[in-house]
Amino acid sequence: MRKAYNSVLHLPKLIACSQCAESCRPHHVCPHCGFYSGHKKSYRVLTVKVG
């Protein structure tokens, strides 16, 4: 039996960030420097305290 083509895993597309040159997903905030489209975007990071 043949496998369906839609079960193939796809790797995410990556581009180089224009500010820090790290790889990141297109149309997303860079997780390394926080820039998107030349502007600093702030986003909250969820932190959980254990103990």
C-alpha atoms as a PDB file:
ATOM      1  CA  MET A   1       0.000   0.000   0.000  1.00  0.00           C
ATOM      2  CA  ARG A   2       1.170   3.497  -0.682  1.00  0.00           C
ATOM      3  CA  LYS A   3       1.386   6.256   1.912  1.00  0.00           C
ATOM      4  CA  ALA A   4      -0.578   9.435   1.445  1.00  0.00           C
ATOM      5  CA  TYR A   5       1.541  12.433   0.464  1.00  0.00           C
ATOM      6  CA  ASN A   6      -0.069  14.682   3.097  1.00  0.00           C
ATOM      7  CA  SER A   7       1.590  12.683   5.877  1.00  0.00           C
ATOM      8  CA  VAL A   8       5.039  14.044   4.946  1.00  0.00           C
ATOM      9  CA  LEU A   9       6.622  16.323   7.562  1.00  0.00           C
ATOM     10  CA  HIS A  10       7.531  19.819   6.388  1.00  0.00           C
ATOM     11  CA  LEU A  11      10.341  21.899   7.862  1.00  0.00           C
ATOM     12  CA  PRO A  12       9.504  25.507   8.781  1.00  0.00           C
ATOM     13  CA  LYS A  13      10.770  28.193   6.410  1.00  0.00           C
ATOM     14  CA  LEU A  14      13.492  30.333   7.996  1.00  0.00           C
ATOM     15  CA  ILE A  15      14.966  33.703   7.050  1.00  0.00           C
ATOM     16  CA  ALA A  16      17.801  35.783   8.484  1.00  0.00           C
ATOM     17  CA  CYS A  17      16.733  38.561  10.859  1.00  0.00           C
ATOM     18  CA  SER A  18      17.589  42.009   9.517  1.00  0.00           C
ATOM     19  CA  GLN A  19      18.816  43.192  12.953  1.00  0.00           C
ATOM     20  CA  CYS A  20      20.749  40.290  14.486  1.00  0.00           C
ATOM     21  CA  ALA A  21      21.140  37.927  11.476  1.00  0.00           C
ATOM     22  CA  GLU A  22      19.789  34.960  13.485  1.00  0.00           C
ATOM     23  CA  SER A  23      17.375  32.637  11.748  1.00  0.00           C
ATOM     24  CA  CYS A  24      13.685  33.201  12.427  1.00  0.00           C
ATOM     25  CA  ARG A  25      10.325  32.515  10.816  1.00  0.00           C
ATOM     26  CA  PRO A  26       9.109  35.039   8.227  1.00  0.00           C
ATOM     27  CA  HIS A  27       6.377  37.489   9.358  1.00  0.00           C
ATOM     28  CA  HIS A  28       7.085  36.770  13.046  1.00  0.00           C
ATOM     29  CA  VAL A  29       8.906  38.663  15.809  1.00  0.00           C
ATOM     30  CA  CYS A  30      12.513  37.515  16.096  1.00  0.00           C
ATOM     31  CA  PRO A  31      12.813  35.477  19.322  1.00  0.00           C
ATOM     32  CA  HIS A  32      16.466  36.541  19.769  1.00  0.00           C
ATOM     33  CA  CYS A  33      16.293  40.335  19.495  1.00  0.00           C
ATOM     34  CA  GLY A  34      12.532  41.107  19.489  1.00  0.00           C
ATOM     35  CA  PHE A  35      12.526  43.082  16.228  1.00  0.00           C
ATOM     36  CA  TYR A  36       9.921  42.790  13.473  1.00  0.00           C
ATOM     37  CA  SER A  37      10.102  44.766  10.247  1.00  0.00           C
ATOM     38  CA  GLY A  38      12.740  47.121  11.660  1.00  0.00           C
ATOM     39  CA  HIS A  39      10.791  48.005  14.811  1.00  0.00           C
ATOM     40  CA  LYS A  40      11.277  46.773  18.376  1.00  0.00           C
ATOM     41  CA  LYS A  41       8.214  44.802  19.394  1.00  0.00           C
ATOM     42  CA  SER A  42       7.732  43.956  23.028  1.00  0.00           C
ATOM     43  CA  TYR A  43       5.996  40.782  24.001  1.00  0.00           C
ATOM     44  CA  ARG A  44       5.459  39.142  27.338  1.00  0.00           C
ATOM     45  CA  VAL A  45       7.153  35.918  28.223  1.00  0.00           C
ATOM     46  CA  LEU A  46       5.236  33.635  30.540  1.00  0.00           C
ATOM     47  CA  THR A  47       7.316  32.646  33.546  1.00  0.00           C
ATOM     48  CA  VAL A  48       6.290  30.001  36.035  1.00  0.00           C
ATOM     49  CA  LYS A  49       7.769  29.858  39.522  1.00  0.00           C
ATOM     50  CA  VAL A  50       8.274  26.378  40.854  1.00  0.00           C
ATOM     51  CA  GLY A  51       8.497  25.755  44.554  1.00  0.00           C
END
